[in-house]
Amino acid sequence: MPPSIPHDLLTSLSIESHHLVLDRRGSTVWDIVTGSGRYALKLGYPVAATPEWPGQHWTAFAPGREAAVLAHLDTQHVASGYWEKGTWNIQPWHEGPDLQHLWTHSRTDGTPPDVQTAMECAGALADLHKAGWAHGDVQPAHFLIGPDRTHLIDLALAHGKPVPEAVDFPFKGCLVHYEAPEISAAVLDEGHAAPSQAADVYGLGATLLMAATGKRAVIYPDDAPRPAQRAAIVAGNRRAVTMPGPMGPLVVEMLRYAPQDRPTITEAVSQLAELT
């Protein structure tokens, strides 16, 4: 069972209603309503080791670290603190489906995905890069397509400016489906890596491919251990990109093996604008 919102947090934040929207290893996300509005509440906690997964303690500090990143970005209505198992934060609630859900029709019937939506996702990433950050965990679930704008969420792994040592932790990679080869190589060799904007561009290419086709950029068994998956990425065990519609060539460029061979996010936005 996921941990519930502690009673003292319910009281101190004056939470009038709450609903669990996400439960994953080391984190729960709640849709909460307080007297001042609607927010997302994140609770982080450490994860015990299992036969399938190693234990991880950094998840307990992820909400606190994300709050520090959001503060650098001058995001309004952000608060954070500690609870008995880790850290928490509240941040603005964003309406809208994520990219994976929005492009379900493309995966089911082969309809070319919407270029305008892809450009909005790229634009959200470009804004983060212009502010001096690399996201570190670009994936379809982290783009929320709202009625007025597209939001790039989950900034706990972002790197670019100092964060408090008490909530900082090494970057040990992201969801492997969207991990650039240089990140996978560093994690395999050293146990950690440095997020980069070039790796984010690779992640966006893999994100667009997955959301539109349901296919990973790299071939490996679904049940392969994480090191084996990363080894396949480093080896360049790639599948041919068959993205429908006019974005296919750009996605190929985003997924180039060498970081210097990929377009910048600004170049990607410009090329997508030409396709709209």
C-alpha atoms as a PDB file:
ATOM      1  CA  MET A   1       0.000   0.000   0.000  1.00  0.00           C
ATOM      2  CA  PRO A   2       1.313   3.498  -0.806  1.00  0.00           C
ATOM      3  CA  PRO A   3       1.861   5.801   2.152  1.00  0.00           C
ATOM      4  CA  SER A   4      -1.036   8.101   2.949  1.00  0.00           C
ATOM      5  CA  ILE A   5      -0.730  11.852   3.380  1.00  0.00           C
ATOM      6  CA  PRO A   6       0.367  12.383   6.996  1.00  0.00           C
ATOM      7  CA  HIS A   7      -2.318  13.880   9.220  1.00  0.00           C
ATOM      8  CA  ASP A   8      -0.154  16.825  10.245  1.00  0.00           C
ATOM      9  CA  LEU A   9       0.414  17.664   6.550  1.00  0.00           C
ATOM     10  CA  LEU A  10      -3.318  17.471   5.849  1.00  0.00           C
ATOM     11  CA  THR A  11      -3.807  19.958   8.670  1.00  0.00           C
ATOM     12  CA  SER A  12      -0.903  22.323   8.016  1.00  0.00           C
ATOM     13  CA  LEU A  13      -1.716  22.624   4.303  1.00  0.00           C
ATOM     14  CA  SER A  14      -5.468  22.956   5.020  1.00  0.00           C
ATOM     15  CA  ILE A  15      -6.215  20.185   2.529  1.00  0.00           C
ATOM     16  CA  GLU A  16      -9.961  20.033   1.879  1.00  0.00           C
ATOM     17  CA  SER A  17      -9.897  17.065  -0.513  1.00  0.00           C
ATOM     18  CA  HIS A  18      -7.249  14.754  -1.930  1.00  0.00           C
ATOM     19  CA  HIS A  19      -7.070  12.031  -4.538  1.00  0.00           C
ATOM     20  CA  LEU A  20      -4.168   9.685  -5.342  1.00  0.00           C
ATOM     21  CA  VAL A  21      -3.229  10.011  -9.023  1.00  0.00           C
ATOM     22  CA  LEU A  22       0.119   8.202  -9.170  1.00  0.00           C
ATOM     23  CA  ASP A  23       1.816   5.513  -7.100  1.00  0.00           C
ATOM     24  CA  ARG A  24       5.279   4.459  -8.204  1.00  0.00           C
ATOM     25  CA  ARG A  25       8.371   3.138  -6.488  1.00  0.00           C
ATOM     26  CA  GLY A  26       9.430   5.829  -4.058  1.00  0.00           C
ATOM     27  CA  SER A  27       6.818   8.461  -4.835  1.00  0.00           C
ATOM     28  CA  THR A  28       3.130   9.207  -4.652  1.00  0.00           C
ATOM     29  CA  VAL A  29       1.412  12.122  -6.354  1.00  0.00           C
ATOM     30  CA  TRP A  30      -1.868  13.535  -5.056  1.00  0.00           C
ATOM     31  CA  ASP A  31      -4.402  15.905  -6.567  1.00  0.00           C
ATOM     32  CA  ILE A  32      -5.244  18.161  -3.626  1.00  0.00           C
ATOM     33  CA  VAL A  33      -7.585  21.092  -3.051  1.00  0.00           C
ATOM     34  CA  THR A  34      -6.891  23.656  -0.355  1.00  0.00           C
ATOM     35  CA  GLY A  35      -8.527  26.924   0.555  1.00  0.00           C
ATOM     36  CA  SER A  36      -6.239  28.692  -1.925  1.00  0.00           C
ATOM     37  CA  GLY A  37      -6.642  26.368  -4.909  1.00  0.00           C
ATOM     38  CA  ARG A  38      -5.778  23.067  -6.542  1.00  0.00           C
ATOM     39  CA  TYR A  39      -2.258  21.642  -6.425  1.00  0.00           C
ATOM     40  CA  ALA A  40      -0.133  18.548  -6.969  1.00  0.00           C
ATOM     41  CA  LEU A  41       1.320  17.118  -3.758  1.00  0.00           C
ATOM     42  CA  LYS A  42       4.308  14.773  -4.022  1.00  0.00           C
ATOM     43  CA  LEU A  43       5.503  12.525  -1.204  1.00  0.00           C
ATOM     44  CA  GLY A  44       8.918  10.875  -1.503  1.00  0.00           C
ATOM     45  CA  TYR A  45      10.081   7.852   0.462  1.00  0.00           C
ATOM     46  CA  PRO A  46      12.932   5.297   0.275  1.00  0.00           C
ATOM     47  CA  VAL A  47      12.397   2.011  -1.540  1.00  0.00           C
ATOM     48  CA  ALA A  48      13.497  -1.320  -0.102  1.00  0.00           C
ATOM     49  CA  ALA A  49      15.400  -3.783  -2.286  1.00  0.00           C
ATOM     50  CA  THR A  50      13.534  -6.665  -3.946  1.00  0.00           C
ATOM     51  CA  PRO A  51      14.780  -9.646  -5.995  1.00  0.00           C
ATOM     52  CA  GLU A  52      13.931  -7.645  -9.149  1.00  0.00           C
ATOM     53  CA  TRP A  53      15.049  -4.155  -8.103  1.00  0.00           C
ATOM     54  CA  PRO A  54      17.823  -2.697  -5.952  1.00  0.00           C
ATOM     55  CA  GLY A  55      16.882  -0.482  -3.048  1.00  0.00           C
ATOM     56  CA  GLN A  56      17.010   3.256  -3.562  1.00  0.00           C
ATOM     57  CA  HIS A  57      17.081   6.068  -1.054  1.00  0.00           C
ATOM     58  CA  TRP A  58      17.268   9.092  -3.327  1.00  0.00           C
ATOM     59  CA  THR A  59      13.540   8.891  -4.019  1.00  0.00           C
ATOM     60  CA  ALA A  60      12.926  10.145  -0.479  1.00  0.00           C
ATOM     61  CA  PHE A  61      14.670  13.419  -1.353  1.00  0.00           C
ATOM     62  CA  ALA A  62      13.322  13.865  -4.891  1.00  0.00           C
ATOM     63  CA  PRO A  63      10.347  16.121  -3.982  1.00  0.00           C
ATOM     64  CA  GLY A  64      12.629  18.395  -1.970  1.00  0.00           C
ATOM     65  CA  ARG A  65      15.109  18.579  -4.816  1.00  0.00           C
ATOM     66  CA  GLU A  66      12.369  19.310  -7.344  1.00  0.00           C
ATOM     67  CA  ALA A  67      11.096  22.152  -5.172  1.00  0.00           C
ATOM     68  CA  ALA A  68      14.590  23.672  -5.230  1.00  0.00           C
ATOM     69  CA  VAL A  69      14.674  23.469  -9.041  1.00  0.00           C
ATOM     70  CA  LEU A  70      11.213  25.044  -9.284  1.00  0.00           C
ATOM     71  CA  ALA A  71      12.356  27.843  -6.998  1.00  0.00           C
ATOM     72  CA  HIS A  72      15.259  28.588  -9.367  1.00  0.00           C
ATOM     73  CA  LEU A  73      12.675  28.815 -12.162  1.00  0.00           C
ATOM     74  CA  ASP A  74      10.559  31.272 -10.138  1.00  0.00           C
ATOM     75  CA  THR A  75       7.607  28.896 -10.214  1.00  0.00           C
ATOM     76  CA  GLN A  76       4.754  30.250  -8.090  1.00  0.00           C
ATOM     77  CA  HIS A  77       2.806  28.392  -5.418  1.00  0.00           C
ATOM     78  CA  VAL A  78       5.567  25.918  -4.550  1.00  0.00           C
ATOM     79  CA  ALA A  79       6.205  24.741  -0.999  1.00  0.00           C
ATOM     80  CA  SER A  80       8.197  21.837   0.427  1.00  0.00           C
ATOM     81  CA  GLY A  81       9.312  20.204   3.625  1.00  0.00           C
ATOM     82  CA  TYR A  82      10.111  16.958   5.400  1.00  0.00           C
ATOM     83  CA  TRP A  83       7.906  14.180   6.661  1.00  0.00           C
ATOM     84  CA  GLU A  84       8.802  11.007   8.556  1.00  0.00           C
ATOM     85  CA  LYS A  85       9.834   9.059   5.440  1.00  0.00           C
ATOM     86  CA  GLY A  86      11.363  11.758   3.258  1.00  0.00           C
ATOM     87  CA  THR A  87      10.440  15.045   1.620  1.00  0.00           C
ATOM     88  CA  TRP A  88       7.294  16.512   0.076  1.00  0.00           C
ATOM     89  CA  ASN A  89       6.391  19.374  -2.196  1.00  0.00           C
ATOM     90  CA  ILE A  90       3.292  21.057  -3.532  1.00  0.00           C
ATOM     91  CA  GLN A  91       3.251  22.749  -6.905  1.00  0.00           C
ATOM     92  CA  PRO A  92       0.692  24.022  -9.424  1.00  0.00           C
ATOM     93  CA  TRP A  93      -1.761  21.480 -10.798  1.00  0.00           C
ATOM     94  CA  HIS A  94      -1.708  21.239 -14.595  1.00  0.00           C
ATOM     95  CA  GLU A  95      -4.732  20.042 -16.550  1.00  0.00           C
ATOM     96  CA  GLY A  96      -4.471  17.933 -19.681  1.00  0.00           C
ATOM     97  CA  PRO A  97      -3.467  14.468 -20.914  1.00  0.00           C
ATOM     98  CA  ASP A  98       0.144  13.431 -21.204  1.00  0.00           C
ATOM     99  CA  LEU A  99       1.624  12.904 -24.662  1.00  0.00           C
ATOM    100  CA  GLN A 100       1.426   9.105 -24.486  1.00  0.00           C
ATOM    101  CA  HIS A 101      -2.331   9.211 -23.888  1.00  0.00           C
ATOM    102  CA  LEU A 102      -2.933  12.043 -26.346  1.00  0.00           C
ATOM    103  CA  TRP A 103      -1.355  10.132 -29.229  1.00  0.00           C
ATOM    104  CA  THR A 104      -3.130   6.837 -28.578  1.00  0.00           C
ATOM    105  CA  HIS A 105      -4.849   7.124 -31.961  1.00  0.00           C
ATOM    106  CA  SER A 106      -1.492   7.239 -33.750  1.00  0.00           C
ATOM    107  CA  ARG A 107      -0.395   3.978 -32.140  1.00  0.00           C
ATOM    108  CA  THR A 108      -3.707   2.222 -32.822  1.00  0.00           C
ATOM    109  CA  ASP A 109      -4.481   3.273 -36.381  1.00  0.00           C
ATOM    110  CA  GLY A 110      -1.222   4.699 -37.707  1.00  0.00           C
ATOM    111  CA  THR A 111      -2.527   8.267 -37.959  1.00  0.00           C
ATOM    112  CA  PRO A 112       0.393  10.685 -38.334  1.00  0.00           C
ATOM    113  CA  PRO A 113       0.914  12.477 -35.017  1.00  0.00           C
ATOM    114  CA  ASP A 114       0.172  16.169 -34.725  1.00  0.00           C
ATOM    115  CA  VAL A 115       3.214  18.310 -35.521  1.00  0.00           C
ATOM    116  CA  GLN A 116       1.847  21.274 -33.577  1.00  0.00           C
ATOM    117  CA  THR A 117       1.729  19.206 -30.392  1.00  0.00           C
ATOM    118  CA  ALA A 118       5.285  17.992 -30.968  1.00  0.00           C
ATOM    119  CA  MET A 119       6.416  21.596 -31.442  1.00  0.00           C
ATOM    120  CA  GLU A 120       4.742  22.606 -28.176  1.00  0.00           C
ATOM    121  CA  CYS A 121       6.554  19.791 -26.349  1.00  0.00           C
ATOM    122  CA  ALA A 122       9.849  20.845 -27.908  1.00  0.00           C
ATOM    123  CA  GLY A 123       9.084  24.449 -26.979  1.00  0.00           C
ATOM    124  CA  ALA A 124       8.533  23.525 -23.322  1.00  0.00           C
ATOM    125  CA  LEU A 125      11.911  21.764 -23.283  1.00  0.00           C
ATOM    126  CA  ALA A 126      13.507  24.711 -25.063  1.00  0.00           C
ATOM    127  CA  ASP A 127      12.276  27.056 -22.335  1.00  0.00           C
ATOM    128  CA  LEU A 128      13.970  24.882 -19.706  1.00  0.00           C
ATOM    129  CA  HIS A 129      17.209  24.796 -21.693  1.00  0.00           C
ATOM    130  CA  LYS A 130      17.174  28.574 -22.131  1.00  0.00           C
ATOM    131  CA  ALA A 131      16.914  28.884 -18.350  1.00  0.00           C
ATOM    132  CA  GLY A 132      20.175  26.955 -18.065  1.00  0.00           C
ATOM    133  CA  TRP A 133      18.875  23.502 -17.171  1.00  0.00           C
ATOM    134  CA  ALA A 134      18.897  19.954 -18.517  1.00  0.00           C
ATOM    135  CA  HIS A 135      15.781  17.986 -17.579  1.00  0.00           C
ATOM    136  CA  GLY A 136      17.413  14.570 -17.254  1.00  0.00           C
ATOM    137  CA  ASP A 137      14.185  12.550 -17.485  1.00  0.00           C
ATOM    138  CA  VAL A 138      12.429  13.414 -20.743  1.00  0.00           C
ATOM    139  CA  GLN A 139       9.603  10.947 -21.461  1.00  0.00           C
ATOM    140  CA  PRO A 140       6.013  11.055 -22.802  1.00  0.00           C
ATOM    141  CA  ALA A 141       4.425  11.082 -19.346  1.00  0.00           C
ATOM    142  CA  HIS A 142       6.252  14.293 -18.476  1.00  0.00           C
ATOM    143  CA  PHE A 143       4.600  16.405 -21.174  1.00  0.00           C
ATOM    144  CA  LEU A 144       1.106  17.527 -20.158  1.00  0.00           C
ATOM    145  CA  ILE A 145      -0.858  18.994 -23.052  1.00  0.00           C
ATOM    146  CA  GLY A 146      -3.026  21.646 -21.419  1.00  0.00           C
ATOM    147  CA  PRO A 147      -5.771  23.814 -22.891  1.00  0.00           C
ATOM    148  CA  ASP A 148      -3.529  26.880 -22.959  1.00  0.00           C
ATOM    149  CA  ARG A 149       0.024  25.525 -23.046  1.00  0.00           C
ATOM    150  CA  THR A 150       2.113  22.384 -22.760  1.00  0.00           C
ATOM    151  CA  HIS A 151       3.880  21.809 -19.453  1.00  0.00           C
ATOM    152  CA  LEU A 152       7.097  19.834 -18.890  1.00  0.00           C
ATOM    153  CA  ILE A 153       6.868  18.341 -15.413  1.00  0.00           C
ATOM    154  CA  ASP A 154       8.896  16.155 -13.002  1.00  0.00           C
ATOM    155  CA  LEU A 155      12.042  18.224 -12.550  1.00  0.00           C
ATOM    156  CA  ALA A 156      13.569  16.278  -9.648  1.00  0.00           C
ATOM    157  CA  LEU A 157      16.472  15.076 -11.818  1.00  0.00           C
ATOM    158  CA  ALA A 158      17.120  18.397 -13.563  1.00  0.00           C
ATOM    159  CA  HIS A 159      20.658  19.782 -13.394  1.00  0.00           C
ATOM    160  CA  GLY A 160      22.007  23.220 -14.139  1.00  0.00           C
ATOM    161  CA  LYS A 161      22.250  25.276 -10.963  1.00  0.00           C
ATOM    162  CA  PRO A 162      23.062  24.510  -7.320  1.00  0.00           C
ATOM    163  CA  VAL A 163      20.469  22.865  -5.090  1.00  0.00           C
ATOM    164  CA  PRO A 164      20.706  22.373  -1.311  1.00  0.00           C
ATOM    165  CA  GLU A 165      23.071  19.571  -0.364  1.00  0.00           C
ATOM    166  CA  ALA A 166      20.463  18.124   2.004  1.00  0.00           C
ATOM    167  CA  VAL A 167      18.202  17.156  -0.909  1.00  0.00           C
ATOM    168  CA  ASP A 168      20.803  16.556  -3.619  1.00  0.00           C
ATOM    169  CA  PHE A 169      21.813  13.123  -4.916  1.00  0.00           C
ATOM    170  CA  PRO A 170      23.769  11.680  -7.869  1.00  0.00           C
ATOM    171  CA  PHE A 171      22.002  11.278 -11.204  1.00  0.00           C
ATOM    172  CA  LYS A 172      21.918   7.551 -11.935  1.00  0.00           C
ATOM    173  CA  GLY A 173      20.087   7.653 -15.232  1.00  0.00           C
ATOM    174  CA  CYS A 174      16.431   7.794 -16.156  1.00  0.00           C
ATOM    175  CA  LEU A 175      13.821   5.544 -17.740  1.00  0.00           C
ATOM    176  CA  VAL A 176      16.053   3.567 -20.087  1.00  0.00           C
ATOM    177  CA  HIS A 177      13.721   3.736 -23.094  1.00  0.00           C
ATOM    178  CA  TYR A 178      14.603   7.433 -23.373  1.00  0.00           C
ATOM    179  CA  GLU A 179      18.217   7.371 -22.197  1.00  0.00           C
ATOM    180  CA  ALA A 180      20.930   8.650 -24.534  1.00  0.00           C
ATOM    181  CA  PRO A 181      23.926   6.352 -25.218  1.00  0.00           C
ATOM    182  CA  GLU A 182      26.397   8.612 -23.423  1.00  0.00           C
ATOM    183  CA  ILE A 183      24.224   8.575 -20.290  1.00  0.00           C
ATOM    184  CA  SER A 184      23.897   4.788 -20.367  1.00  0.00           C
ATOM    185  CA  ALA A 185      27.655   4.413 -20.859  1.00  0.00           C
ATOM    186  CA  ALA A 186      28.470   6.667 -17.901  1.00  0.00           C
ATOM    187  CA  VAL A 187      26.004   4.881 -15.619  1.00  0.00           C
ATOM    188  CA  LEU A 188      27.465   1.493 -16.577  1.00  0.00           C
ATOM    189  CA  ASP A 189      31.059   2.681 -16.137  1.00  0.00           C
ATOM    190  CA  GLU A 190      30.773   4.967 -13.107  1.00  0.00           C
ATOM    191  CA  GLY A 191      27.368   4.362 -11.546  1.00  0.00           C
ATOM    192  CA  HIS A 192      26.197   7.906 -12.276  1.00  0.00           C
ATOM    193  CA  ALA A 193      26.095  10.442 -15.097  1.00  0.00           C
ATOM    194  CA  ALA A 194      25.665  14.142 -15.831  1.00  0.00           C
ATOM    195  CA  PRO A 195      22.381  15.142 -17.497  1.00  0.00           C
ATOM    196  CA  SER A 196      22.885  17.268 -20.579  1.00  0.00           C
ATOM    197  CA  GLN A 197      20.772  19.219 -23.008  1.00  0.00           C
ATOM    198  CA  ALA A 198      21.986  17.016 -25.867  1.00  0.00           C
ATOM    199  CA  ALA A 199      20.780  13.946 -23.966  1.00  0.00           C
ATOM    200  CA  ASP A 200      17.424  15.701 -23.478  1.00  0.00           C
ATOM    201  CA  VAL A 201      17.137  16.101 -27.264  1.00  0.00           C
ATOM    202  CA  TYR A 202      17.743  12.361 -27.657  1.00  0.00           C
ATOM    203  CA  GLY A 203      15.090  11.772 -24.995  1.00  0.00           C
ATOM    204  CA  LEU A 204      12.618  13.952 -26.883  1.00  0.00           C
ATOM    205  CA  GLY A 205      13.234  12.016 -30.097  1.00  0.00           C
ATOM    206  CA  ALA A 206      12.678   8.735 -28.268  1.00  0.00           C
ATOM    207  CA  THR A 207       9.594  10.250 -26.620  1.00  0.00           C
ATOM    208  CA  LEU A 208       8.014  11.278 -29.917  1.00  0.00           C
ATOM    209  CA  LEU A 209       8.779   7.860 -31.396  1.00  0.00           C
ATOM    210  CA  MET A 210       7.303   5.963 -28.452  1.00  0.00           C
ATOM    211  CA  ALA A 211       4.174   8.117 -28.174  1.00  0.00           C
ATOM    212  CA  ALA A 212       3.487   7.888 -31.907  1.00  0.00           C
ATOM    213  CA  THR A 213       4.369   4.228 -32.550  1.00  0.00           C
ATOM    214  CA  GLY A 214       4.654   2.429 -29.209  1.00  0.00           C
ATOM    215  CA  LYS A 215       8.178   1.356 -30.177  1.00  0.00           C
ATOM    216  CA  ARG A 216      11.466   1.940 -28.391  1.00  0.00           C
ATOM    217  CA  ALA A 217      14.399   3.419 -30.267  1.00  0.00           C
ATOM    218  CA  VAL A 218      16.647   0.538 -29.113  1.00  0.00           C
ATOM    219  CA  ILE A 219      16.031  -3.207 -29.335  1.00  0.00           C
ATOM    220  CA  TYR A 220      16.272  -5.266 -26.142  1.00  0.00           C
ATOM    221  CA  PRO A 221      14.015  -7.792 -24.397  1.00  0.00           C
ATOM    222  CA  ASP A 222      11.250  -6.276 -22.283  1.00  0.00           C
ATOM    223  CA  ASP A 223      12.344  -8.296 -19.272  1.00  0.00           C
ATOM    224  CA  ALA A 224      16.088  -7.672 -19.657  1.00  0.00           C
ATOM    225  CA  PRO A 225      17.875  -6.408 -16.524  1.00  0.00           C
ATOM    226  CA  ARG A 226      18.579  -2.693 -16.514  1.00  0.00           C
ATOM    227  CA  PRO A 227      22.362  -3.144 -17.135  1.00  0.00           C
ATOM    228  CA  ALA A 228      21.601  -5.317 -20.170  1.00  0.00           C
ATOM    229  CA  GLN A 229      19.223  -2.679 -21.518  1.00  0.00           C
ATOM    230  CA  ARG A 230      21.865   0.005 -21.101  1.00  0.00           C
ATOM    231  CA  ALA A 231      24.468  -2.218 -22.759  1.00  0.00           C
ATOM    232  CA  ALA A 232      22.160  -2.532 -25.798  1.00  0.00           C
ATOM    233  CA  ILE A 233      21.862   1.252 -25.944  1.00  0.00           C
ATOM    234  CA  VAL A 234      25.647   1.696 -25.762  1.00  0.00           C
ATOM    235  CA  ALA A 235      26.126  -0.969 -28.436  1.00  0.00           C
ATOM    236  CA  GLY A 236      23.829   0.958 -30.754  1.00  0.00           C
ATOM    237  CA  ASN A 237      21.356  -1.900 -31.092  1.00  0.00           C
ATOM    238  CA  ARG A 238      18.878   0.340 -32.866  1.00  0.00           C
ATOM    239  CA  ARG A 239      15.673  -0.380 -34.714  1.00  0.00           C
ATOM    240  CA  ALA A 240      14.754   1.468 -37.878  1.00  0.00           C
ATOM    241  CA  VAL A 241      12.659   4.553 -37.122  1.00  0.00           C
ATOM    242  CA  THR A 242       9.329   4.287 -38.914  1.00  0.00           C
ATOM    243  CA  MET A 243       7.533   7.293 -37.520  1.00  0.00           C
ATOM    244  CA  PRO A 244       4.540   8.187 -39.685  1.00  0.00           C
ATOM    245  CA  GLY A 245       4.162  11.688 -41.051  1.00  0.00           C
ATOM    246  CA  PRO A 246       6.633  14.476 -41.777  1.00  0.00           C
ATOM    247  CA  MET A 247       8.507  14.381 -38.443  1.00  0.00           C
ATOM    248  CA  GLY A 248      10.323  11.125 -39.195  1.00  0.00           C
ATOM    249  CA  PRO A 249      13.583  12.655 -40.535  1.00  0.00           C
ATOM    250  CA  LEU A 250      13.851  15.051 -37.581  1.00  0.00           C
ATOM    251  CA  VAL A 251      13.335  12.233 -35.083  1.00  0.00           C
ATOM    252  CA  VAL A 252      16.163  10.333 -36.779  1.00  0.00           C
ATOM    253  CA  GLU A 253      18.418  13.362 -36.264  1.00  0.00           C
ATOM    254  CA  MET A 254      17.409  13.669 -32.600  1.00  0.00           C
ATOM    255  CA  LEU A 255      18.337  10.024 -32.065  1.00  0.00           C
ATOM    256  CA  ARG A 256      21.858  10.325 -33.480  1.00  0.00           C
ATOM    257  CA  TYR A 257      24.329   8.310 -31.419  1.00  0.00           C
ATOM    258  CA  ALA A 258      26.863  11.090 -30.853  1.00  0.00           C
ATOM    259  CA  PRO A 259      25.617  14.112 -28.880  1.00  0.00           C
ATOM    260  CA  GLN A 260      27.289  16.601 -31.217  1.00  0.00           C
ATOM    261  CA  ASP A 261      25.428  15.144 -34.190  1.00  0.00           C
ATOM    262  CA  ARG A 262      21.988  15.940 -32.779  1.00  0.00           C
ATOM    263  CA  PRO A 263      20.187  19.230 -33.370  1.00  0.00           C
ATOM    264  CA  THR A 264      19.848  21.604 -30.457  1.00  0.00           C
ATOM    265  CA  ILE A 265      16.366  21.964 -29.054  1.00  0.00           C
ATOM    266  CA  THR A 266      16.161  25.429 -30.636  1.00  0.00           C
ATOM    267  CA  GLU A 267      16.966  23.918 -34.031  1.00  0.00           C
ATOM    268  CA  ALA A 268      14.384  21.185 -33.454  1.00  0.00           C
ATOM    269  CA  VAL A 269      11.683  23.749 -32.621  1.00  0.00           C
ATOM    270  CA  SER A 270      12.559  25.694 -35.771  1.00  0.00           C
ATOM    271  CA  GLN A 271      12.350  22.579 -37.959  1.00  0.00           C
ATOM    272  CA  LEU A 272       9.017  21.573 -36.421  1.00  0.00           C
ATOM    273  CA  ALA A 273       7.668  25.072 -37.038  1.00  0.00           C
ATOM    274  CA  GLU A 274       8.509  24.671 -40.718  1.00  0.00           C
ATOM    275  CA  LEU A 275       6.398  21.497 -40.808  1.00  0.00           C
ATOM    276  CA  THR A 276       3.254  23.063 -39.311  1.00  0.00           C
END
